[in-house]
């Protein structure tokens, strides 16, 4: 079980900013920008965005749409959407998730997770 599943199950506390039937979004504990949110599907079925795109493109579209709405709500609407895929790309939690970064970025910030 991933740390994200434990957050979804409320075993680990998080600053949740959005929740739907299929997604949850919360603030990153180590933010790389003034606004740094994680948008996470409630299913553990997909380890990364490539698997998600092949297996459930509608859920991927829902993540992107939710990211846009969250950026509008928590920042000025401008945002970066980052998916790390694989350990060599900085992925440390193998439960697909998107980083929503907004409000100005630290130089060199890639939203590692």
C-alpha atoms as a PDB file:
ATOM      1  CA  UNK A   1       0.000   0.000   0.000  1.00  0.00           C
ATOM      2  CA  UNK A   2       1.432   3.376  -1.004  1.00  0.00           C
ATOM      3  CA  UNK A   3       1.603   6.426   1.233  1.00  0.00           C
ATOM      4  CA  UNK A   4      -1.074   7.959  -1.004  1.00  0.00           C
ATOM      5  CA  UNK A   5      -3.440   5.053  -0.349  1.00  0.00           C
ATOM      6  CA  UNK A   6      -2.865   5.567   3.352  1.00  0.00           C
ATOM      7  CA  UNK A   7      -3.779   9.260   2.941  1.00  0.00           C
ATOM      8  CA  UNK A   8      -6.887   8.288   0.954  1.00  0.00           C
ATOM      9  CA  UNK A   9      -7.839   5.859   3.745  1.00  0.00           C
ATOM     10  CA  UNK A  10      -7.192   8.646   6.326  1.00  0.00           C
ATOM     11  CA  UNK A  11      -4.471   6.600   8.030  1.00  0.00           C
ATOM     12  CA  UNK A  12      -2.031   9.478   7.466  1.00  0.00           C
ATOM     13  CA  UNK A  13      -3.146  13.108   7.825  1.00  0.00           C
ATOM     14  CA  UNK A  14      -2.885  15.489   4.896  1.00  0.00           C
ATOM     15  CA  UNK A  15      -4.037  18.994   4.040  1.00  0.00           C
ATOM     16  CA  UNK A  16      -6.739  17.894   1.589  1.00  0.00           C
ATOM     17  CA  UNK A  17      -7.915  20.629  -0.787  1.00  0.00           C
ATOM     18  CA  UNK A  18     -10.165  18.565  -3.086  1.00  0.00           C
ATOM     19  CA  UNK A  19     -11.846  15.192  -3.176  1.00  0.00           C
ATOM     20  CA  UNK A  20     -14.157  13.453  -5.621  1.00  0.00           C
ATOM     21  CA  UNK A  21     -15.222   9.880  -6.192  1.00  0.00           C
ATOM     22  CA  UNK A  22     -12.045   9.114  -8.170  1.00  0.00           C
ATOM     23  CA  UNK A  23      -9.466  11.727  -7.082  1.00  0.00           C
ATOM     24  CA  UNK A  24      -7.975  13.378  -4.046  1.00  0.00           C
ATOM     25  CA  UNK A  25      -5.735  16.447  -3.952  1.00  0.00           C
ATOM     26  CA  UNK A  26      -3.606  17.690  -1.084  1.00  0.00           C
ATOM     27  CA  UNK A  27      -0.685  19.989  -0.348  1.00  0.00           C
ATOM     28  CA  UNK A  28       2.808  18.563  -0.841  1.00  0.00           C
ATOM     29  CA  UNK A  29       4.759  18.281   2.415  1.00  0.00           C
ATOM     30  CA  UNK A  30       7.942  19.556   0.720  1.00  0.00           C
ATOM     31  CA  UNK A  31       6.631  22.255  -1.634  1.00  0.00           C
ATOM     32  CA  UNK A  32       8.699  23.316  -4.623  1.00  0.00           C
ATOM     33  CA  UNK A  33       6.519  26.391  -5.285  1.00  0.00           C
ATOM     34  CA  UNK A  34       4.179  28.634  -3.278  1.00  0.00           C
ATOM     35  CA  UNK A  35       1.351  26.385  -4.449  1.00  0.00           C
ATOM     36  CA  UNK A  36       2.350  22.721  -4.709  1.00  0.00           C
ATOM     37  CA  UNK A  37      -0.550  20.306  -4.761  1.00  0.00           C
ATOM     38  CA  UNK A  38      -0.648  16.608  -5.566  1.00  0.00           C
ATOM     39  CA  UNK A  39      -3.586  15.226  -7.534  1.00  0.00           C
ATOM     40  CA  UNK A  40      -3.872  11.499  -6.926  1.00  0.00           C
ATOM     41  CA  UNK A  41      -6.284   8.895  -8.287  1.00  0.00           C
ATOM     42  CA  UNK A  42      -7.864   6.815  -5.555  1.00  0.00           C
ATOM     43  CA  UNK A  43      -6.895   3.626  -7.391  1.00  0.00           C
ATOM     44  CA  UNK A  44      -3.444   2.061  -6.981  1.00  0.00           C
ATOM     45  CA  UNK A  45      -3.837   0.327 -10.333  1.00  0.00           C
ATOM     46  CA  UNK A  46      -1.408   2.627 -12.173  1.00  0.00           C
ATOM     47  CA  UNK A  47       2.180   3.209 -11.055  1.00  0.00           C
ATOM     48  CA  UNK A  48       2.862   6.096 -13.457  1.00  0.00           C
ATOM     49  CA  UNK A  49       1.289   8.393 -16.028  1.00  0.00           C
ATOM     50  CA  UNK A  50       2.221   6.158 -18.975  1.00  0.00           C
ATOM     51  CA  UNK A  51       0.299   3.254 -17.461  1.00  0.00           C
ATOM     52  CA  UNK A  52      -2.611   5.567 -16.667  1.00  0.00           C
ATOM     53  CA  UNK A  53      -2.727   6.985 -20.213  1.00  0.00           C
ATOM     54  CA  UNK A  54      -2.877   3.468 -21.662  1.00  0.00           C
ATOM     55  CA  UNK A  55      -5.304   2.069 -19.100  1.00  0.00           C
ATOM     56  CA  UNK A  56      -7.729   4.910 -18.302  1.00  0.00           C
ATOM     57  CA  UNK A  57      -7.318   8.024 -20.455  1.00  0.00           C
ATOM     58  CA  UNK A  58     -10.549   9.477 -19.030  1.00  0.00           C
ATOM     59  CA  UNK A  59      -9.035   9.430 -15.540  1.00  0.00           C
ATOM     60  CA  UNK A  60      -5.935  11.171 -16.868  1.00  0.00           C
ATOM     61  CA  UNK A  61      -8.158  13.851 -18.414  1.00  0.00           C
ATOM     62  CA  UNK A  62      -9.915  14.203 -15.054  1.00  0.00           C
ATOM     63  CA  UNK A  63      -6.560  14.775 -13.341  1.00  0.00           C
ATOM     64  CA  UNK A  64      -5.666  17.518 -15.844  1.00  0.00           C
ATOM     65  CA  UNK A  65      -9.075  19.171 -15.486  1.00  0.00           C
ATOM     66  CA  UNK A  66      -8.844  19.055 -11.701  1.00  0.00           C
ATOM     67  CA  UNK A  67      -5.342  20.538 -11.821  1.00  0.00           C
ATOM     68  CA  UNK A  68      -6.660  23.450 -13.890  1.00  0.00           C
ATOM     69  CA  UNK A  69      -9.502  24.056 -11.424  1.00  0.00           C
ATOM     70  CA  UNK A  70      -7.152  23.891  -8.435  1.00  0.00           C
ATOM     71  CA  UNK A  71      -4.715  26.345 -10.039  1.00  0.00           C
ATOM     72  CA  UNK A  72      -7.593  28.748 -10.628  1.00  0.00           C
ATOM     73  CA  UNK A  73      -8.722  28.372  -7.018  1.00  0.00           C
ATOM     74  CA  UNK A  74      -5.325  28.462  -5.267  1.00  0.00           C
ATOM     75  CA  UNK A  75      -3.285  30.668  -7.619  1.00  0.00           C
ATOM     76  CA  UNK A  76      -3.810  32.914 -10.639  1.00  0.00           C
ATOM     77  CA  UNK A  77      -4.715  30.045 -12.966  1.00  0.00           C
ATOM     78  CA  UNK A  78      -1.223  29.620 -14.396  1.00  0.00           C
ATOM     79  CA  UNK A  79       0.418  26.344 -13.423  1.00  0.00           C
ATOM     80  CA  UNK A  80       2.858  23.599 -14.276  1.00  0.00           C
ATOM     81  CA  UNK A  81       1.672  20.020 -14.279  1.00  0.00           C
ATOM     82  CA  UNK A  82       4.458  17.505 -13.606  1.00  0.00           C
ATOM     83  CA  UNK A  83       4.331  13.716 -13.711  1.00  0.00           C
ATOM     84  CA  UNK A  84       7.535  11.921 -12.742  1.00  0.00           C
ATOM     85  CA  UNK A  85       7.756   8.477 -14.343  1.00  0.00           C
ATOM     86  CA  UNK A  86      10.391   6.116 -12.991  1.00  0.00           C
ATOM     87  CA  UNK A  87      12.991   6.299 -10.259  1.00  0.00           C
ATOM     88  CA  UNK A  88      15.571   7.935 -12.553  1.00  0.00           C
ATOM     89  CA  UNK A  89      13.075  10.732 -13.236  1.00  0.00           C
ATOM     90  CA  UNK A  90      12.566  11.428  -9.532  1.00  0.00           C
ATOM     91  CA  UNK A  91       9.506   9.280  -8.864  1.00  0.00           C
ATOM     92  CA  UNK A  92       9.605   7.931  -5.309  1.00  0.00           C
ATOM     93  CA  UNK A  93       5.947   6.958  -4.831  1.00  0.00           C
ATOM     94  CA  UNK A  94       4.835   4.449  -7.458  1.00  0.00           C
ATOM     95  CA  UNK A  95       1.161   5.407  -7.356  1.00  0.00           C
ATOM     96  CA  UNK A  96       0.490   7.761 -10.276  1.00  0.00           C
ATOM     97  CA  UNK A  97       0.119  11.394  -9.235  1.00  0.00           C
ATOM     98  CA  UNK A  98       0.411  14.862 -10.704  1.00  0.00           C
ATOM     99  CA  UNK A  99       2.220  17.812  -9.182  1.00  0.00           C
ATOM    100  CA  UNK A 100       0.390  21.124  -9.622  1.00  0.00           C
ATOM    101  CA  UNK A 101       2.930  23.919  -9.208  1.00  0.00           C
ATOM    102  CA  UNK A 102       1.881  27.566  -9.249  1.00  0.00           C
ATOM    103  CA  UNK A 103       2.520  30.977  -7.761  1.00  0.00           C
ATOM    104  CA  UNK A 104       6.154  31.262  -8.863  1.00  0.00           C
ATOM    105  CA  UNK A 105       8.743  28.517  -8.877  1.00  0.00           C
ATOM    106  CA  UNK A 106      12.098  28.087  -7.250  1.00  0.00           C
ATOM    107  CA  UNK A 107      14.867  28.135  -9.859  1.00  0.00           C
ATOM    108  CA  UNK A 108      15.534  24.610 -11.095  1.00  0.00           C
ATOM    109  CA  UNK A 109      12.378  23.245  -9.499  1.00  0.00           C
ATOM    110  CA  UNK A 110      11.010  20.180 -11.218  1.00  0.00           C
ATOM    111  CA  UNK A 111       8.581  19.064  -8.525  1.00  0.00           C
ATOM    112  CA  UNK A 112      10.444  15.899  -7.528  1.00  0.00           C
ATOM    113  CA  UNK A 113       8.355  13.204  -5.841  1.00  0.00           C
END
